[in-house]
Each structure stands twice: as structure tokens, then as C-alpha cells.
PDB file of N, CA and C in Angstrom:
ATOM      1  N   MET A   1       4.400   0.131  19.740  1.00  0.00           N
ATOM      2  CA  MET A   1       2.929   0.455  19.416  1.00  0.00           C
ATOM      3  C   MET A   1       2.763   1.690  18.859  1.00  0.00           C
ATOM      4  N   LYS A   2       3.446   2.674  19.372  1.00  0.00           N
ATOM      5  CA  LYS A   2       3.258   4.083  18.988  1.00  0.00           C
ATOM      6  C   LYS A   2       3.646   4.087  17.300  1.00  0.00           C
ATOM      7  N   GLU A   3       4.803   3.338  17.019  1.00  0.00           N
ATOM      8  CA  GLU A   3       5.357   3.555  15.665  1.00  0.00           C
ATOM      9  C   GLU A   3       4.171   2.829  14.759  1.00  0.00           C
ATOM     10  N   LEU A   4       3.687   1.810  15.193  1.00  0.00           N
ATOM     11  CA  LEU A   4       2.566   0.964  14.274  1.00  0.00           C
ATOM     12  C   LEU A   4       1.385   2.038  14.026  1.00  0.00           C
ATOM     13  N   ILE A   5       0.961   2.988  15.190  1.00  0.00           N
ATOM     14  CA  ILE A   5      -0.239   3.579  15.075  1.00  0.00           C
ATOM     15  C   ILE A   5       0.141   4.805  13.916  1.00  0.00           C
ATOM     16  N   ILE A   6       1.409   5.436  14.223  1.00  0.00           N
ATOM     17  CA  ILE A   6       1.829   6.421  13.351  1.00  0.00           C
ATOM     18  C   ILE A   6       1.906   5.739  11.865  1.00  0.00           C
ATOM     19  N   ALA A   7       2.427   4.747  11.745  1.00  0.00           N
ATOM     20  CA  ALA A   7       2.694   4.056  10.262  1.00  0.00           C
ATOM     21  C   ALA A   7       1.175   3.923   9.795  1.00  0.00           C
ATOM     22  N   PHE A   8       0.117   3.396  10.485  1.00  0.00           N
ATOM     23  CA  PHE A   8      -1.289   3.390   9.988  1.00  0.00           C
ATOM     24  C   PHE A   8      -1.832   4.638   9.508  1.00  0.00           C
ATOM     25  N   GLY A   9      -1.725   5.832  10.555  1.00  0.00           N
ATOM     26  CA  GLY A   9      -2.170   6.940  10.200  1.00  0.00           C
ATOM     27  C   GLY A   9      -1.491   7.514   8.936  1.00  0.00           C
ATOM     28  N   LEU A  10      -0.190   7.341   8.657  1.00  0.00           N
ATOM     29  CA  LEU A  10       0.585   7.508   7.456  1.00  0.00           C
ATOM     30  C   LEU A  10      -0.178   6.974   6.307  1.00  0.00           C
ATOM     31  N   PHE A  11      -0.260   5.766   6.498  1.00  0.00           N
ATOM     32  CA  PHE A  11      -0.960   5.016   5.493  1.00  0.00           C
ATOM     33  C   PHE A  11      -2.281   5.679   4.964  1.00  0.00           C
ATOM     34  N   LEU A  12      -3.170   5.947   5.956  1.00  0.00           N
ATOM     35  CA  LEU A  12      -4.529   6.499   5.777  1.00  0.00           C
ATOM     36  C   LEU A  12      -4.233   7.964   5.224  1.00  0.00           C
ATOM     37  N   PHE A  13      -3.404   8.788   5.537  1.00  0.00           N
ATOM     38  CA  PHE A  13      -3.125  10.027   4.943  1.00  0.00           C
ATOM     39  C   PHE A  13      -2.879   9.757   3.557  1.00  0.00           C
ATOM     40  N   ILE A  14      -1.997   9.000   3.251  1.00  0.00           N
ATOM     41  CA  ILE A  14      -1.379   8.903   1.793  1.00  0.00           C
ATOM     42  C   ILE A  14      -2.538   8.232   0.735  1.00  0.00           C
ATOM     43  N   GLU A  15      -3.238   7.359   1.281  1.00  0.00           N
ATOM     44  CA  GLU A  15      -4.514   6.778   0.534  1.00  0.00           C
ATOM     45  C   GLU A  15      -5.699   7.827   0.374  1.00  0.00           C
ATOM     46  N   GLY A  16      -5.801   8.611   1.476  1.00  0.00           N
ATOM     47  CA  GLY A  16      -6.786   9.711   1.303  1.00  0.00           C
ATOM     48  C   GLY A  16      -6.364  10.726   0.567  1.00  0.00           C
ATOM     49  N   ILE A  17      -5.119  11.158   0.330  1.00  0.00           N
ATOM     50  CA  ILE A  17      -4.610  12.220  -0.488  1.00  0.00           C
ATOM     51  C   ILE A  17      -4.809  11.739  -1.963  1.00  0.00           C
ATOM     52  N   LEU A  18      -4.453  10.592  -2.032  1.00  0.00           N
ATOM     53  CA  LEU A  18      -4.466  10.062  -3.461  1.00  0.00           C
ATOM     54  C   LEU A  18      -5.950   9.835  -4.080  1.00  0.00           C
ATOM     55  N   TYR A  19      -6.972   9.613  -3.129  1.00  0.00           N
ATOM     56  CA  TYR A  19      -8.437   9.615  -3.663  1.00  0.00           C
ATOM     57  C   TYR A  19      -8.944  11.001  -3.754  1.00  0.00           C
ATOM     58  N   ALA A  20      -8.363  11.854  -2.803  1.00  0.00           N
ATOM     59  CA  ALA A  20      -8.729  13.375  -2.995  1.00  0.00           C
ATOM     60  C   ALA A  20      -8.521  14.024  -4.227  1.00  0.00           C
ATOM     61  N   LEU A  21      -7.165  13.841  -4.573  1.00  0.00           N
ATOM     62  CA  LEU A  21      -6.443  14.700  -5.710  1.00  0.00           C
ATOM     63  C   LEU A  21      -6.720  13.918  -7.018  1.00  0.00           C
ATOM     64  N   PHE A  22      -7.053  12.532  -7.096  1.00  0.00           N
ATOM     65  CA  PHE A  22      -7.065  11.851  -8.392  1.00  0.00           C
ATOM     66  C   PHE A  22      -8.312  10.839  -8.358  1.00  0.00           C
ATOM     67  N   PRO A  23      -9.554  11.267  -8.048  1.00  0.00           N
ATOM     68  CA  PRO A  23     -10.622  10.225  -7.907  1.00  0.00           C
ATOM     69  C   PRO A  23     -10.724   9.376  -8.877  1.00  0.00           C
ATOM     70  N   SER A  24     -10.857  10.052 -10.206  1.00  0.00           N
ATOM     71  CA  SER A  24     -11.192   8.956 -11.334  1.00  0.00           C
ATOM     72  C   SER A  24      -9.946   8.138 -11.767  1.00  0.00           C
ATOM     73  N   LYS A  25      -8.819   8.649 -11.625  1.00  0.00           N
ATOM     74  CA  LYS A  25      -7.675   7.801 -11.814  1.00  0.00           C
ATOM     75  C   LYS A  25      -7.750   6.445 -10.950  1.00  0.00           C
ATOM     76  N   MET A  26      -7.869   6.834  -9.568  1.00  0.00           N
ATOM     77  CA  MET A  26      -7.994   5.756  -8.454  1.00  0.00           C
ATOM     78  C   MET A  26      -9.323   4.688  -8.932  1.00  0.00           C
ATOM     79  N   LYS A  27     -10.415   5.264  -9.377  1.00  0.00           N
ATOM     80  CA  LYS A  27     -11.408   4.427  -9.755  1.00  0.00           C
ATOM     81  C   LYS A  27     -10.960   3.441 -10.868  1.00  0.00           C
ATOM     82  N   ASN A  28     -10.297   3.933 -11.799  1.00  0.00           N
ATOM     83  CA  ASN A  28      -9.873   3.191 -12.883  1.00  0.00           C
ATOM     84  C   ASN A  28      -8.738   1.960 -12.688  1.00  0.00           C
ATOM     85  N   MET A  29      -8.116   2.455 -11.538  1.00  0.00           N
ATOM     86  CA  MET A  29      -7.080   1.605 -11.140  1.00  0.00           C
ATOM     87  C   MET A  29      -7.652   0.238 -10.469  1.00  0.00           C
ATOM     88  N   LEU A  30      -8.796   0.754  -9.732  1.00  0.00           N
ATOM     89  CA  LEU A  30      -9.251  -0.405  -8.788  1.00  0.00           C
ATOM     90  C   LEU A  30     -10.101  -1.268  -9.795  1.00  0.00           C
ATOM     91  N   LEU A  31     -10.693  -0.544 -10.872  1.00  0.00           N
ATOM     92  CA  LEU A  31     -11.235  -1.558 -11.945  1.00  0.00           C
ATOM     93  C   LEU A  31     -10.247  -2.323 -12.628  1.00  0.00           C
ATOM     94  N   ARG A  32      -9.228  -1.910 -12.961  1.00  0.00           N
ATOM     95  CA  ARG A  32      -8.191  -2.978 -13.521  1.00  0.00           C
ATOM     96  C   ARG A  32      -7.690  -3.935 -12.503  1.00  0.00           C
ATOM     97  N   LEU A  33      -7.977  -3.825 -11.253  1.00  0.00           N
ATOM     98  CA  LEU A  33      -7.597  -5.051 -10.350  1.00  0.00           C
ATOM     99  C   LEU A  33      -8.332  -6.077 -10.570  1.00  0.00           C
ATOM    100  N   ASN A  34      -9.504  -6.084 -11.241  1.00  0.00           N
ATOM    101  CA  ASN A  34     -10.259  -7.281 -11.559  1.00  0.00           C
ATOM    102  C   ASN A  34      -9.648  -8.045 -12.863  1.00  0.00           C
ATOM    103  N   GLU A  35      -8.761  -7.442 -13.492  1.00  0.00           N
ATOM    104  CA  GLU A  35      -8.208  -8.032 -14.646  1.00  0.00           C
ATOM    105  C   GLU A  35      -6.866  -8.726 -14.203  1.00  0.00           C
ATOM    106  N   ILE A  36      -6.440  -8.412 -13.190  1.00  0.00           N
ATOM    107  CA  ILE A  36      -5.128  -9.160 -12.826  1.00  0.00           C
ATOM    108  C   ILE A  36      -5.505 -10.378 -11.967  1.00  0.00           C
ATOM    109  N   ASP A  37      -4.523 -11.425 -12.419  1.00  0.00           N
ATOM    110  CA  ASP A  37      -4.551 -12.684 -11.854  1.00  0.00           C
ATOM    111  C   ASP A  37      -4.329 -12.722 -10.376  1.00  0.00           C
ATOM    112  N   GLU A  38      -5.089 -13.607  -9.669  1.00  0.00           N
ATOM    113  CA  GLU A  38      -5.077 -13.600  -8.164  1.00  0.00           C
ATOM    114  C   GLU A  38      -3.520 -13.951  -7.565  1.00  0.00           C
ATOM    115  N   LYS A  39      -2.872 -14.734  -8.524  1.00  0.00           N
ATOM    116  CA  LYS A  39      -1.435 -15.198  -8.066  1.00  0.00           C
ATOM    117  C   LYS A  39      -0.531 -13.958  -8.130  1.00  0.00           C
ATOM    118  N   GLN A  40      -0.759 -13.009  -9.313  1.00  0.00           N
ATOM    119  CA  GLN A  40       0.120 -11.916  -9.433  1.00  0.00           C
ATOM    120  C   GLN A  40      -0.093 -10.979  -8.449  1.00  0.00           C
ATOM    121  N   LEU A  41      -1.406 -10.988  -7.785  1.00  0.00           N
ATOM    122  CA  LEU A  41      -1.526  -9.828  -6.822  1.00  0.00           C
ATOM    123  C   LEU A  41      -0.947 -10.452  -5.490  1.00  0.00           C
ATOM    124  N   ARG A  42      -0.959 -11.664  -5.322  1.00  0.00           N
ATOM    125  CA  ARG A  42      -0.574 -12.345  -4.037  1.00  0.00           C
ATOM    126  C   ARG A  42       0.971 -12.069  -4.045  1.00  0.00           C
ATOM    127  N   ILE A  43       1.576 -12.404  -5.225  1.00  0.00           N
ATOM    128  CA  ILE A  43       3.177 -12.147  -5.263  1.00  0.00           C
ATOM    129  C   ILE A  43       3.462 -10.693  -4.976  1.00  0.00           C
ATOM    130  N   GLY A  44       2.727  -9.847  -5.761  1.00  0.00           N
ATOM    131  CA  GLY A  44       2.858  -8.409  -5.610  1.00  0.00           C
ATOM    132  C   GLY A  44       2.813  -8.021  -4.115  1.00  0.00           C
ATOM    133  N   GLY A  45       1.669  -8.476  -3.459  1.00  0.00           N
ATOM    134  CA  GLY A  45       1.380  -8.116  -2.029  1.00  0.00           C
ATOM    135  C   GLY A  45       2.657  -8.684  -1.149  1.00  0.00           C
ATOM    136  N   PHE A  46       3.000  -9.971  -1.351  1.00  0.00           N
ATOM    137  CA  PHE A  46       4.313 -10.435  -0.680  1.00  0.00           C
ATOM    138  C   PHE A  46       5.536  -9.560  -0.885  1.00  0.00           C
ATOM    139  N   LEU A  47       5.841  -9.253  -2.123  1.00  0.00           N
ATOM    140  CA  LEU A  47       6.895  -8.448  -2.264  1.00  0.00           C
ATOM    141  C   LEU A  47       6.977  -7.002  -1.519  1.00  0.00           C
ATOM    142  N   PHE A  48       5.825  -6.339  -1.658  1.00  0.00           N
ATOM    143  CA  PHE A  48       5.552  -5.204  -0.921  1.00  0.00           C
ATOM    144  C   PHE A  48       5.773  -5.316   0.588  1.00  0.00           C
ATOM    145  N   ALA A  49       5.202  -6.308   1.170  1.00  0.00           N
ATOM    146  CA  ALA A  49       5.344  -6.649   2.628  1.00  0.00           C
ATOM    147  C   ALA A  49       6.873  -6.930   2.825  1.00  0.00           C
ATOM    148  N   LEU A  50       7.379  -7.519   2.031  1.00  0.00           N
ATOM    149  CA  LEU A  50       8.954  -7.884   2.402  1.00  0.00           C
ATOM    150  C   LEU A  50       9.807  -6.705   2.206  1.00  0.00           C
ATOM    151  N   ILE A  51       9.355  -5.686   1.329  1.00  0.00           N
ATOM    152  CA  ILE A  51      10.190  -4.612   1.000  1.00  0.00           C
ATOM    153  C   ILE A  51       9.945  -3.673   2.299  1.00  0.00           C
ATOM    154  N   GLY A  52       8.461  -3.583   2.758  1.00  0.00           N
ATOM    155  CA  GLY A  52       8.271  -2.808   4.003  1.00  0.00           C
ATOM    156  C   GLY A  52       9.090  -3.305   5.319  1.00  0.00           C
ATOM    157  N   PHE A  53       9.065  -4.713   5.395  1.00  0.00           N
ATOM    158  CA  PHE A  53       9.784  -5.119   6.463  1.00  0.00           C
ATOM    159  C   PHE A  53      11.078  -5.081   6.331  1.00  0.00           C
ATOM    160  N   VAL A  54      11.943  -5.019   5.188  1.00  0.00           N
ATOM    161  CA  VAL A  54      13.363  -4.923   5.223  1.00  0.00           C
ATOM    162  C   VAL A  54      13.529  -3.237   5.657  1.00  0.00           C
ATOM    163  N   ILE A  55      12.765  -2.472   5.154  1.00  0.00           N
ATOM    164  CA  ILE A  55      12.631  -0.891   5.399  1.00  0.00           C
ATOM    165  C   ILE A  55      12.726  -0.846   6.770  1.00  0.00           C
ATOM    166  N   ILE A  56      11.703  -1.188   7.593  1.00  0.00           N
ATOM    167  CA  ILE A  56      11.361  -1.275   8.905  1.00  0.00           C
ATOM    168  C   ILE A  56      12.621  -1.756   9.767  1.00  0.00           C
ATOM    169  N   TRP A  57      13.151  -2.938   9.529  1.00  0.00           N
ATOM    170  CA  TRP A  57      14.140  -3.682   9.937  1.00  0.00           C
ATOM    171  C   TRP A  57      15.300  -2.600   9.827  1.00  0.00           C
ATOM    172  N   TYR A  58      15.768  -2.036   8.641  1.00  0.00           N
ATOM    173  CA  TYR A  58      16.933  -1.349   8.443  1.00  0.00           C
ATOM    174  C   TYR A  58      16.982  -0.243   9.368  1.00  0.00           C
ATOM    175  N   ILE A  59      15.813   0.585   9.642  1.00  0.00           N
ATOM    176  CA  ILE A  59      15.682   1.804  10.313  1.00  0.00           C
ATOM    177  C   ILE A  59      15.973   1.469  11.817  1.00  0.00           C
ATOM    178  N   LYS A  60      15.089   0.425  12.200  1.00  0.00           N
ATOM    179  CA  LYS A  60      15.115   0.108  13.561  1.00  0.00           C
ATOM    180  C   LYS A  60      16.362  -0.741  14.134  1.00  0.00           C
ATOM    181  N   ARG A  61      17.390  -1.053  13.215  1.00  0.00           N
ATOM    182  CA  ARG A  61      18.336  -1.599  13.978  1.00  0.00           C
ATOM    183  C   ARG A  61      19.337  -0.894  14.490  1.00  0.00           C
TER     184      ARG A  61
END
């Protein structure tokens, strides 16, 4: 459970740094999300989740 909380904190830290350093680029990126098909977003999300799972599994084994 401790690792999950650390991972969530790291996620928030990275996300916050991106918005603090590049606010206009982040706004543009979010606007472009409307142009991407939902199927592509779903596939991309699944791939990132799978890559994250493999990384965690590799580190924890």
C-alpha cells in the first residue's frame, strides 16, 4: 500500500511540474485530445497501463 501512495504522489508531482513549467503547451495538448478518436485513446491508455504493469512486475519480482 505504501508503494501505491508513493506512486500516486509521484504522478501528481510530475503532472504538477508539467503544468507549472509549460501551461500553454499543456492547454494546447488538452485541446488536441478532442480531435483524437475514442478508440485510439482507449488503445493508448491500455498500452500505457500494460507498460506500467510490466515495469512494476519486473521491479517487484
